[in-house]
């Protein structure tokens, strides 16, 4: 099975969007794929895959390309626990219902 067959279309769409953003930033900086690849520490083929939104490319390569291009700031918002509304709600609902060991009577008298 190909990598992208198992991924939801929303994930593939976001990968393509990120790749396109990286390509646009590179072109605006008048950089070739080879120049970006050298700064990222990878091959131009990997940069080509990133710009195409390839799901089989390492996330570290995407992140380093964003960092090199100065687009890394928003990455800090990914998986930020403070933005996890559902998790915060579930955590609040569970407060006070913590599982505790049942108390046993002390029969040592």
PDB file of N, CA and C in Angstrom:
ATOM      1  N   UNK A   1       0.839  -1.170   0.000  1.00  0.00           N
ATOM      2  CA  UNK A   1       0.000   0.000   0.000  1.00  0.00           C
ATOM      3  C   UNK A   1       0.892   1.245   0.000  1.00  0.00           C
ATOM      4  N   UNK A   2       0.536   2.245  -0.806  1.00  0.00           N
ATOM      5  CA  UNK A   2       1.278   3.495  -0.838  1.00  0.00           C
ATOM      6  C   UNK A   2       0.999   4.291   0.431  1.00  0.00           C
ATOM      7  N   UNK A   3       1.956   5.136   0.807  1.00  0.00           N
ATOM      8  CA  UNK A   3       1.834   5.923   2.035  1.00  0.00           C
ATOM      9  C   UNK A   3       0.581   6.785   2.029  1.00  0.00           C
ATOM     10  N   UNK A   4       0.296   7.462   0.920  1.00  0.00           N
ATOM     11  CA  UNK A   4      -0.816   8.411   0.908  1.00  0.00           C
ATOM     12  C   UNK A   4      -2.187   7.744   0.865  1.00  0.00           C
ATOM     13  N   UNK A   5      -2.267   6.433   0.582  1.00  0.00           N
ATOM     14  CA  UNK A   5      -3.553   5.749   0.587  1.00  0.00           C
ATOM     15  C   UNK A   5      -4.114   5.619   1.993  1.00  0.00           C
ATOM     16  N   UNK A   6      -3.262   5.599   2.990  1.00  0.00           N
ATOM     17  CA  UNK A   6      -3.711   5.418   4.367  1.00  0.00           C
ATOM     18  C   UNK A   6      -3.993   6.748   5.062  1.00  0.00           C
ATOM     19  N   UNK A   7      -3.695   7.861   4.426  1.00  0.00           N
ATOM     20  CA  UNK A   7      -3.858   9.160   5.071  1.00  0.00           C
ATOM     21  C   UNK A   7      -5.173   9.823   4.688  1.00  0.00           C
ATOM     22  N   UNK A   8      -5.794  10.499   5.636  1.00  0.00           N
ATOM     23  CA  UNK A   8      -7.014  11.248   5.312  1.00  0.00           C
ATOM     24  C   UNK A   8      -6.704  12.373   4.319  1.00  0.00           C
ATOM     25  N   UNK A   9      -7.682  12.713   3.522  1.00  0.00           N
ATOM     26  CA  UNK A   9      -7.476  13.749   2.499  1.00  0.00           C
ATOM     27  C   UNK A   9      -7.092  15.086   3.122  1.00  0.00           C
ATOM     28  N   UNK A  10      -7.583  15.375   4.335  1.00  0.00           N
ATOM     29  CA  UNK A  10      -7.236  16.628   5.004  1.00  0.00           C
ATOM     30  C   UNK A  10      -5.735  16.696   5.298  1.00  0.00           C
ATOM     31  N   UNK A  11      -5.154  15.563   5.668  1.00  0.00           N
ATOM     32  CA  UNK A  11      -3.714  15.511   5.958  1.00  0.00           C
ATOM     33  C   UNK A  11      -2.929  15.744   4.678  1.00  0.00           C
ATOM     34  N   UNK A  12      -3.304  15.073   3.617  1.00  0.00           N
ATOM     35  CA  UNK A  12      -2.618  15.255   2.329  1.00  0.00           C
ATOM     36  C   UNK A  12      -2.740  16.691   1.849  1.00  0.00           C
ATOM     37  N   UNK A  13      -3.901  17.283   2.038  1.00  0.00           N
ATOM     38  CA  UNK A  13      -4.121  18.671   1.629  1.00  0.00           C
ATOM     39  C   UNK A  13      -3.203  19.619   2.396  1.00  0.00           C
ATOM     40  N   UNK A  14      -3.058  19.394   3.688  1.00  0.00           N
ATOM     41  CA  UNK A  14      -2.183  20.257   4.487  1.00  0.00           C
ATOM     42  C   UNK A  14      -0.718  20.064   4.127  1.00  0.00           C
ATOM     43  N   UNK A  15      -0.322  18.847   3.823  1.00  0.00           N
ATOM     44  CA  UNK A  15       1.059  18.610   3.384  1.00  0.00           C
ATOM     45  C   UNK A  15       1.347  19.365   2.085  1.00  0.00           C
ATOM     46  N   UNK A  16       0.391  19.325   1.157  1.00  0.00           N
ATOM     47  CA  UNK A  16       0.561  20.065  -0.100  1.00  0.00           C
ATOM     48  C   UNK A  16       0.607  21.569   0.149  1.00  0.00           C
ATOM     49  N   UNK A  17      -0.228  22.043   1.078  1.00  0.00           N
ATOM     50  CA  UNK A  17      -0.244  23.471   1.399  1.00  0.00           C
ATOM     51  C   UNK A  17       1.091  23.910   1.999  1.00  0.00           C
ATOM     52  N   UNK A  18       1.620  23.120   2.922  1.00  0.00           N
ATOM     53  CA  UNK A  18       2.909  23.432   3.543  1.00  0.00           C
ATOM     54  C   UNK A  18       4.017  23.397   2.491  1.00  0.00           C
ATOM     55  N   UNK A  19       3.996  22.362   1.660  1.00  0.00           N
ATOM     56  CA  UNK A  19       5.001  22.258   0.601  1.00  0.00           C
ATOM     57  C   UNK A  19       4.953  23.436  -0.350  1.00  0.00           C
ATOM     58  N   UNK A  20       3.756  23.839  -0.710  1.00  0.00           N
ATOM     59  CA  UNK A  20       3.607  24.985  -1.606  1.00  0.00           C
ATOM     60  C   UNK A  20       4.108  26.265  -0.934  1.00  0.00           C
ATOM     61  N   UNK A  21       3.846  26.398   0.371  1.00  0.00           N
ATOM     62  CA  UNK A  21       4.340  27.566   1.105  1.00  0.00           C
ATOM     63  C   UNK A  21       5.859  27.605   1.150  1.00  0.00           C
ATOM     64  N   UNK A  22       6.479  26.454   1.323  1.00  0.00           N
ATOM     65  CA  UNK A  22       7.945  26.371   1.328  1.00  0.00           C
ATOM     66  C   UNK A  22       8.484  26.749  -0.046  1.00  0.00           C
ATOM     67  N   UNK A  23       7.846  26.247  -1.092  1.00  0.00           N
ATOM     68  CA  UNK A  23       8.288  26.573  -2.452  1.00  0.00           C
ATOM     69  C   UNK A  23       8.154  28.073  -2.717  1.00  0.00           C
ATOM     70  N   UNK A  24       7.029  28.649  -2.341  1.00  0.00           N
ATOM     71  CA  UNK A  24       6.814  30.077  -2.559  1.00  0.00           C
ATOM     72  C   UNK A  24       7.868  30.900  -1.821  1.00  0.00           C
ATOM     73  N   UNK A  25       8.154  30.535  -0.577  1.00  0.00           N
ATOM     74  CA  UNK A  25       9.172  31.251   0.203  1.00  0.00           C
ATOM     75  C   UNK A  25      10.548  31.115  -0.441  1.00  0.00           C
ATOM     76  N   UNK A  26      10.858  29.927  -0.931  1.00  0.00           N
ATOM     77  CA  UNK A  26      12.158  29.718  -1.586  1.00  0.00           C
ATOM     78  C   UNK A  26      12.277  30.580  -2.837  1.00  0.00           C
ATOM     79  N   UNK A  27      11.249  30.578  -3.671  1.00  0.00           N
ATOM     80  CA  UNK A  27      11.271  31.341  -4.924  1.00  0.00           C
ATOM     81  C   UNK A  27      11.369  32.841  -4.623  1.00  0.00           C
ATOM     82  N   UNK A  28      10.634  33.315  -3.619  1.00  0.00           N
ATOM     83  CA  UNK A  28      10.692  34.730  -3.246  1.00  0.00           C
ATOM     84  C   UNK A  28      12.085  35.144  -2.791  1.00  0.00           C
ATOM     85  N   UNK A  29      12.844  34.204  -2.277  1.00  0.00           N
ATOM     86  CA  UNK A  29      14.208  34.472  -1.823  1.00  0.00           C
ATOM     87  C   UNK A  29      15.229  34.228  -2.928  1.00  0.00           C
ATOM     88  N   UNK A  30      14.734  33.948  -4.126  1.00  0.00           N
ATOM     89  CA  UNK A  30      15.587  33.692  -5.299  1.00  0.00           C
ATOM     90  C   UNK A  30      16.587  32.572  -5.038  1.00  0.00           C
ATOM     91  N   UNK A  31      16.097  31.520  -4.370  1.00  0.00           N
ATOM     92  CA  UNK A  31      16.936  30.358  -4.082  1.00  0.00           C
ATOM     93  C   UNK A  31      16.545  29.216  -5.003  1.00  0.00           C
ATOM     94  N   UNK A  32      17.527  28.427  -5.387  1.00  0.00           N
ATOM     95  CA  UNK A  32      17.241  27.210  -6.141  1.00  0.00           C
ATOM     96  C   UNK A  32      16.961  26.092  -5.138  1.00  0.00           C
ATOM     97  N   UNK A  33      16.415  24.997  -5.644  1.00  0.00           N
ATOM     98  CA  UNK A  33      16.207  23.836  -4.780  1.00  0.00           C
ATOM     99  C   UNK A  33      17.540  23.337  -4.237  1.00  0.00           C
ATOM    100  N   UNK A  34      18.581  23.419  -5.059  1.00  0.00           N
ATOM    101  CA  UNK A  34      19.912  22.971  -4.637  1.00  0.00           C
ATOM    102  C   UNK A  34      20.439  23.831  -3.493  1.00  0.00           C
ATOM    103  N   UNK A  35      20.220  25.145  -3.569  1.00  0.00           N
ATOM    104  CA  UNK A  35      20.685  26.041  -2.504  1.00  0.00           C
ATOM    105  C   UNK A  35      19.934  25.780  -1.194  1.00  0.00           C
ATOM    106  N   UNK A  36      18.635  25.620  -1.289  1.00  0.00           N
ATOM    107  CA  UNK A  36      17.864  25.314  -0.088  1.00  0.00           C
ATOM    108  C   UNK A  36      18.288  23.965   0.484  1.00  0.00           C
ATOM    109  N   UNK A  37      18.484  22.995  -0.389  1.00  0.00           N
ATOM    110  CA  UNK A  37      18.898  21.661   0.065  1.00  0.00           C
ATOM    111  C   UNK A  37      20.221  21.728   0.816  1.00  0.00           C
ATOM    112  N   UNK A  38      21.145  22.517   0.329  1.00  0.00           N
ATOM    113  CA  UNK A  38      22.446  22.643   0.991  1.00  0.00           C
ATOM    114  C   UNK A  38      22.278  23.240   2.388  1.00  0.00           C
ATOM    115  N   UNK A  39      21.437  24.241   2.507  1.00  0.00           N
ATOM    116  CA  UNK A  39      21.220  24.881   3.811  1.00  0.00           C
ATOM    117  C   UNK A  39      20.440  23.979   4.762  1.00  0.00           C
ATOM    118  N   UNK A  40      19.554  23.165   4.226  1.00  0.00           N
ATOM    119  CA  UNK A  40      18.774  22.240   5.049  1.00  0.00           C
ATOM    120  C   UNK A  40      19.611  21.016   5.424  1.00  0.00           C
ATOM    121  N   UNK A  41      20.575  20.696   4.589  1.00  0.00           N
ATOM    122  CA  UNK A  41      21.405  19.521   4.835  1.00  0.00           C
ATOM    123  C   UNK A  41      20.805  18.268   4.244  1.00  0.00           C
ATOM    124  N   UNK A  42      20.205  18.417   3.076  1.00  0.00           N
ATOM    125  CA  UNK A  42      19.571  17.292   2.406  1.00  0.00           C
ATOM    126  C   UNK A  42      19.819  17.409   0.905  1.00  0.00           C
ATOM    127  N   UNK A  43      19.163  16.576   0.132  1.00  0.00           N
ATOM    128  CA  UNK A  43      19.344  16.599  -1.323  1.00  0.00           C
ATOM    129  C   UNK A  43      18.267  17.466  -1.973  1.00  0.00           C
ATOM    130  N   UNK A  44      18.532  17.864  -3.212  1.00  0.00           N
ATOM    131  CA  UNK A  44      17.519  18.649  -3.933  1.00  0.00           C
ATOM    132  C   UNK A  44      16.290  17.800  -4.217  1.00  0.00           C
ATOM    133  N   UNK A  45      16.473  16.477  -4.313  1.00  0.00           N
ATOM    134  CA  UNK A  45      15.331  15.591  -4.529  1.00  0.00           C
ATOM    135  C   UNK A  45      14.375  15.629  -3.319  1.00  0.00           C
ATOM    136  N   UNK A  46      14.949  15.710  -2.121  1.00  0.00           N
ATOM    137  CA  UNK A  46      14.114  15.799  -0.919  1.00  0.00           C
ATOM    138  C   UNK A  46      13.363  17.127  -0.892  1.00  0.00           C
ATOM    139  N   UNK A  47      14.023  18.200  -1.284  1.00  0.00           N
ATOM    140  CA  UNK A  47      13.355  19.507  -1.352  1.00  0.00           C
ATOM    141  C   UNK A  47      12.212  19.437  -2.357  1.00  0.00           C
ATOM    142  N   UNK A  48      12.438  18.776  -3.456  1.00  0.00           N
ATOM    143  CA  UNK A  48      11.379  18.604  -4.466  1.00  0.00           C
ATOM    144  C   UNK A  48      10.188  17.852  -3.866  1.00  0.00           C
ATOM    145  N   UNK A  49      10.466  16.802  -3.095  1.00  0.00           N
ATOM    146  CA  UNK A  49       9.391  16.041  -2.447  1.00  0.00           C
ATOM    147  C   UNK A  49       8.657  16.894  -1.409  1.00  0.00           C
ATOM    148  N   UNK A  50       9.404  17.682  -0.647  1.00  0.00           N
ATOM    149  CA  UNK A  50       8.787  18.569   0.349  1.00  0.00           C
ATOM    150  C   UNK A  50       7.850  19.547  -0.341  1.00  0.00           C
ATOM    151  N   UNK A  51       8.332  20.173  -1.396  1.00  0.00           N
ATOM    152  CA  UNK A  51       7.528  21.163  -2.108  1.00  0.00           C
ATOM    153  C   UNK A  51       6.298  20.537  -2.765  1.00  0.00           C
ATOM    154  N   UNK A  52       6.360  19.252  -3.026  1.00  0.00           N
ATOM    155  CA  UNK A  52       5.212  18.545  -3.582  1.00  0.00           C
ATOM    156  C   UNK A  52       4.284  17.992  -2.505  1.00  0.00           C
ATOM    157  N   UNK A  53       4.670  18.144  -1.241  1.00  0.00           N
ATOM    158  CA  UNK A  53       3.830  17.665  -0.137  1.00  0.00           C
ATOM    159  C   UNK A  53       3.876  16.167   0.047  1.00  0.00           C
ATOM    160  N   UNK A  54       5.005  15.562  -0.241  1.00  0.00           N
ATOM    161  CA  UNK A  54       5.133  14.111  -0.124  1.00  0.00           C
ATOM    162  C   UNK A  54       4.977  13.646   1.324  1.00  0.00           C
ATOM    163  N   UNK A  55       4.027  12.739   1.583  1.00  0.00           N
ATOM    164  CA  UNK A  55       3.830  12.260   2.953  1.00  0.00           C
ATOM    165  C   UNK A  55       4.931  11.315   3.426  1.00  0.00           C
ATOM    166  N   UNK A  56       5.755  10.819   2.534  1.00  0.00           N
ATOM    167  CA  UNK A  56       6.813   9.902   2.923  1.00  0.00           C
ATOM    168  C   UNK A  56       8.100  10.594   3.332  1.00  0.00           C
ATOM    169  N   UNK A  57       8.122  11.910   3.270  1.00  0.00           N
ATOM    170  CA  UNK A  57       9.320  12.672   3.618  1.00  0.00           C
ATOM    171  C   UNK A  57       9.336  12.937   5.120  1.00  0.00           C
ATOM    172  N   UNK A  58      10.525  12.840   5.713  1.00  0.00           N
ATOM    173  CA  UNK A  58      10.658  13.014   7.163  1.00  0.00           C
ATOM    174  C   UNK A  58      10.149  14.384   7.607  1.00  0.00           C
ATOM    175  N   UNK A  59       9.462  14.414   8.727  1.00  0.00           N
ATOM    176  CA  UNK A  59       8.955  15.679   9.259  1.00  0.00           C
ATOM    177  C   UNK A  59      10.114  16.612   9.615  1.00  0.00           C
ATOM    178  N   UNK A  60      11.238  16.056  10.008  1.00  0.00           N
ATOM    179  CA  UNK A  60      12.404  16.876  10.342  1.00  0.00           C
ATOM    180  C   UNK A  60      12.866  17.680   9.130  1.00  0.00           C
ATOM    181  N   UNK A  61      12.738  17.116   7.950  1.00  0.00           N
ATOM    182  CA  UNK A  61      13.132  17.839   6.735  1.00  0.00           C
ATOM    183  C   UNK A  61      12.189  19.015   6.481  1.00  0.00           C
ATOM    184  N   UNK A  62      10.890  18.788   6.664  1.00  0.00           N
ATOM    185  CA  UNK A  62       9.923  19.885   6.530  1.00  0.00           C
ATOM    186  C   UNK A  62      10.247  20.992   7.539  1.00  0.00           C
ATOM    187  N   UNK A  63      10.470  20.596   8.804  1.00  0.00           N
ATOM    188  CA  UNK A  63      10.710  21.573   9.860  1.00  0.00           C
ATOM    189  C   UNK A  63      12.000  22.352   9.632  1.00  0.00           C
ATOM    190  N   UNK A  64      13.038  21.678   9.197  1.00  0.00           N
ATOM    191  CA  UNK A  64      14.300  22.385   8.974  1.00  0.00           C
ATOM    192  C   UNK A  64      14.175  23.342   7.800  1.00  0.00           C
ATOM    193  N   UNK A  65      13.450  22.964   6.748  1.00  0.00           N
ATOM    194  CA  UNK A  65      13.227  23.877   5.621  1.00  0.00           C
ATOM    195  C   UNK A  65      12.478  25.117   6.098  1.00  0.00           C
ATOM    196  N   UNK A  66      11.462  24.931   6.922  1.00  0.00           N
ATOM    197  CA  UNK A  66      10.728  26.073   7.477  1.00  0.00           C
ATOM    198  C   UNK A  66      11.648  26.957   8.316  1.00  0.00           C
ATOM    199  N   UNK A  67      12.508  26.342   9.097  1.00  0.00           N
ATOM    200  CA  UNK A  67      13.440  27.090   9.941  1.00  0.00           C
ATOM    201  C   UNK A  67      14.419  27.893   9.091  1.00  0.00           C
ATOM    202  N   UNK A  68      14.990  27.251   8.083  1.00  0.00           N
ATOM    203  CA  UNK A  68      15.953  27.924   7.203  1.00  0.00           C
ATOM    204  C   UNK A  68      15.307  29.129   6.524  1.00  0.00           C
ATOM    205  N   UNK A  69      14.045  28.995   6.149  1.00  0.00           N
ATOM    206  CA  UNK A  69      13.344  30.066   5.444  1.00  0.00           C
ATOM    207  C   UNK A  69      12.746  31.111   6.390  1.00  0.00           C
ATOM    208  N   UNK A  70      12.923  30.945   7.690  1.00  0.00           N
ATOM    209  CA  UNK A  70      12.404  31.903   8.651  1.00  0.00           C
ATOM    210  C   UNK A  70      10.908  31.781   8.886  1.00  0.00           C
ATOM    211  N   UNK A  71      10.350  30.620   8.622  1.00  0.00           N
ATOM    212  CA  UNK A  71       8.914  30.391   8.784  1.00  0.00           C
ATOM    213  C   UNK A  71       8.607  29.462   9.950  1.00  0.00           C
ATOM    214  N   UNK A  72       9.496  29.389  10.893  1.00  0.00           N
ATOM    215  CA  UNK A  72       9.397  28.401  11.967  1.00  0.00           C
ATOM    216  C   UNK A  72       8.508  28.834  13.122  1.00  0.00           C
ATOM    217  N   UNK A  73       8.240  30.117  13.270  1.00  0.00           N
ATOM    218  CA  UNK A  73       7.516  30.626  14.438  1.00  0.00           C
ATOM    219  C   UNK A  73       6.182  29.930  14.673  1.00  0.00           C
ATOM    220  N   UNK A  74       5.389  29.729  13.641  1.00  0.00           N
ATOM    221  CA  UNK A  74       4.067  29.127  13.811  1.00  0.00           C
ATOM    222  C   UNK A  74       4.124  27.638  14.143  1.00  0.00           C
ATOM    223  N   UNK A  75       5.249  27.004  13.943  1.00  0.00           N
ATOM    224  CA  UNK A  75       5.385  25.581  14.253  1.00  0.00           C
ATOM    225  C   UNK A  75       5.193  25.357  15.753  1.00  0.00           C
ATOM    226  N   UNK A  76       5.511  26.355  16.541  1.00  0.00           N
ATOM    227  CA  UNK A  76       5.369  26.237  17.997  1.00  0.00           C
ATOM    228  C   UNK A  76       3.923  26.027  18.417  1.00  0.00           C
ATOM    229  N   UNK A  77       2.988  26.386  17.548  1.00  0.00           N
ATOM    230  CA  UNK A  77       1.573  26.220  17.863  1.00  0.00           C
ATOM    231  C   UNK A  77       1.086  24.791  17.620  1.00  0.00           C
ATOM    232  N   UNK A  78       1.842  24.005  16.872  1.00  0.00           N
ATOM    233  CA  UNK A  78       1.444  22.624  16.605  1.00  0.00           C
ATOM    234  C   UNK A  78       1.455  21.810  17.890  1.00  0.00           C
ATOM    235  N   UNK A  79       0.397  21.104  18.135  1.00  0.00           N
ATOM    236  CA  UNK A  79       0.264  20.224  19.312  1.00  0.00           C
ATOM    237  C   UNK A  79       0.502  20.960  20.621  1.00  0.00           C
ATOM    238  N   UNK A  80       0.185  22.249  20.670  1.00  0.00           N
ATOM    239  CA  UNK A  80       0.307  23.024  21.890  1.00  0.00           C
ATOM    240  C   UNK A  80      -0.785  22.583  22.872  1.00  0.00           C
ATOM    241  N   UNK A  81      -0.419  22.079  24.047  1.00  0.00           N
ATOM    242  CA  UNK A  81      -1.417  21.587  24.987  1.00  0.00           C
ATOM    243  C   UNK A  81      -2.430  22.659  25.407  1.00  0.00           C
ATOM    244  N   UNK A  82      -2.044  23.911  25.370  1.00  0.00           N
ATOM    245  CA  UNK A  82      -2.951  24.993  25.748  1.00  0.00           C
ATOM    246  C   UNK A  82      -4.054  25.207  24.713  1.00  0.00           C
ATOM    247  N   UNK A  83      -3.870  24.690  23.502  1.00  0.00           N
ATOM    248  CA  UNK A  83      -4.862  24.841  22.446  1.00  0.00           C
ATOM    249  C   UNK A  83      -5.710  23.583  22.264  1.00  0.00           C
ATOM    250  N   UNK A  84      -5.505  22.586  23.106  1.00  0.00           N
ATOM    251  CA  UNK A  84      -6.226  21.312  23.042  1.00  0.00           C
ATOM    252  C   UNK A  84      -7.547  21.439  23.796  1.00  0.00           C
ATOM    253  N   UNK A  85      -8.543  22.029  23.149  1.00  0.00           N
ATOM    254  CA  UNK A  85      -9.824  22.293  23.810  1.00  0.00           C
ATOM    255  C   UNK A  85     -10.484  21.018  24.326  1.00  0.00           C
ATOM    256  N   UNK A  86     -10.520  20.001  23.503  1.00  0.00           N
ATOM    257  CA  UNK A  86     -11.165  18.751  23.913  1.00  0.00           C
ATOM    258  C   UNK A  86     -10.456  18.136  25.109  1.00  0.00           C
ATOM    259  N   UNK A  87      -9.131  18.107  25.061  1.00  0.00           N
ATOM    260  CA  UNK A  87      -8.368  17.550  26.175  1.00  0.00           C
ATOM    261  C   UNK A  87      -8.557  18.332  27.455  1.00  0.00           C
ATOM    262  N   UNK A  88      -8.634  19.660  27.346  1.00  0.00           N
ATOM    263  CA  UNK A  88      -8.845  20.509  28.518  1.00  0.00           C
ATOM    264  C   UNK A  88     -10.220  20.238  29.129  1.00  0.00           C
ATOM    265  N   UNK A  89     -11.220  20.089  28.273  1.00  0.00           N
ATOM    266  CA  UNK A  89     -12.574  19.801  28.756  1.00  0.00           C
ATOM    267  C   UNK A  89     -12.619  18.444  29.447  1.00  0.00           C
ATOM    268  N   UNK A  90     -12.011  17.434  28.846  1.00  0.00           N
ATOM    269  CA  UNK A  90     -11.998  16.100  29.449  1.00  0.00           C
ATOM    270  C   UNK A  90     -11.240  16.095  30.777  1.00  0.00           C
ATOM    271  N   UNK A  91     -10.144  16.830  30.809  1.00  0.00           N
ATOM    272  CA  UNK A  91      -9.363  16.907  32.036  1.00  0.00           C
ATOM    273  C   UNK A  91     -10.164  17.581  33.151  1.00  0.00           C
ATOM    274  N   UNK A  92     -10.861  18.652  32.811  1.00  0.00           N
ATOM    275  CA  UNK A  92     -11.665  19.363  33.807  1.00  0.00           C
ATOM    276  C   UNK A  92     -12.810  18.488  34.307  1.00  0.00           C
ATOM    277  N   UNK A  93     -13.416  17.735  33.411  1.00  0.00           N
ATOM    278  CA  UNK A  93     -14.530  16.862  33.802  1.00  0.00           C
ATOM    279  C   UNK A  93     -14.065  15.751  34.732  1.00  0.00           C
ATOM    280  N   UNK A  94     -12.832  15.321  34.570  1.00  0.00           N
ATOM    281  CA  UNK A  94     -12.321  14.213  35.375  1.00  0.00           C
ATOM    282  C   UNK A  94     -11.773  14.671  36.727  1.00  0.00           C
ATOM    283  N   UNK A  95     -11.580  15.985  36.884  1.00  0.00           N
ATOM    284  CA  UNK A  95     -11.053  16.478  38.159  1.00  0.00           C
ATOM    285  C   UNK A  95     -11.962  16.078  39.312  1.00  0.00           C
ATOM    286  N   UNK A  96     -11.382  15.624  40.343  1.00  0.00           N
ATOM    287  CA  UNK A  96     -12.155  15.244  41.509  1.00  0.00           C
ATOM    288  C   UNK A  96     -12.643  13.809  41.459  1.00  0.00           C
ATOM    289  N   UNK A  97     -12.471  13.142  40.355  1.00  0.00           N
ATOM    290  CA  UNK A  97     -12.901  11.752  40.252  1.00  0.00           C
ATOM    291  C   UNK A  97     -11.684  10.848  40.091  1.00  0.00           C
ATOM    292  N   UNK A  98     -10.612  11.253  40.734  1.00  0.00           N
ATOM    293  CA  UNK A  98      -9.371  10.510  40.635  1.00  0.00           C
ATOM    294  C   UNK A  98      -9.512   9.149  41.306  1.00  0.00           C
ATOM    295  N   UNK A  99      -8.976   8.155  40.690  1.00  0.00           N
ATOM    296  CA  UNK A  99      -9.022   6.809  41.274  1.00  0.00           C
ATOM    297  C   UNK A  99      -8.056   6.750  42.452  1.00  0.00           C
ATOM    298  N   UNK A 100      -8.551   6.273  43.562  1.00  0.00           N
ATOM    299  CA  UNK A 100      -7.716   6.148  44.764  1.00  0.00           C
ATOM    300  C   UNK A 100      -7.820   4.734  45.312  1.00  0.00           C
ATOM    301  N   UNK A 101      -6.786   4.350  46.009  1.00  0.00           N
ATOM    302  CA  UNK A 101      -6.825   3.044  46.668  1.00  0.00           C
ATOM    303  C   UNK A 101      -7.857   3.096  47.775  1.00  0.00           C
ATOM    304  N   UNK A 102      -8.653   2.056  47.883  1.00  0.00           N
ATOM    305  CA  UNK A 102      -9.647   2.049  48.970  1.00  0.00           C
ATOM    306  C   UNK A 102      -8.936   1.993  50.311  1.00  0.00           C
ATOM    307  N   UNK A 103      -9.481   2.738  51.236  1.00  0.00           N
ATOM    308  CA  UNK A 103      -8.912   2.742  52.579  1.00  0.00           C
ATOM    309  C   UNK A 103      -9.274   1.435  53.279  1.00  0.00           C
ATOM    310  N   UNK A 104      -8.328   0.924  54.007  1.00  0.00           N
ATOM    311  CA  UNK A 104      -8.614  -0.278  54.791  1.00  0.00           C
ATOM    312  C   UNK A 104      -8.540   0.098  56.263  1.00  0.00           C
ATOM    313  N   UNK A 105      -9.293  -0.573  57.040  1.00  0.00           N
ATOM    314  CA  UNK A 105      -9.267  -0.305  58.461  1.00  0.00           C
ATOM    315  C   UNK A 105      -7.975  -0.809  59.061  1.00  0.00           C
ATOM    316  N   UNK A 106      -7.449  -0.032  59.961  1.00  0.00           N
ATOM    317  CA  UNK A 106      -6.250  -0.441  60.664  1.00  0.00           C
ATOM    318  C   UNK A 106      -6.660  -1.329  61.824  1.00  0.00           C
ATOM    319  N   UNK A 107      -6.349  -2.566  61.742  1.00  0.00           N
ATOM    320  CA  UNK A 107      -6.745  -3.500  62.791  1.00  0.00           C
ATOM    321  C   UNK A 107      -5.582  -3.766  63.758  1.00  0.00           C
ATOM    322  N   UNK A 108      -4.650  -2.881  63.772  1.00  0.00           N
ATOM    323  CA  UNK A 108      -3.488  -3.014  64.643  1.00  0.00           C
ATOM    324  C   UNK A 108      -3.734  -2.230  65.927  1.00  0.00           C
ATOM    325  N   UNK A 109      -4.398  -2.846  66.904  1.00  0.00           N
ATOM    326  CA  UNK A 109      -4.655  -2.165  68.182  1.00  0.00           C
ATOM    327  C   UNK A 109      -4.417  -3.030  69.350  1.00  0.00           C
TER     328      UNK A 109
END
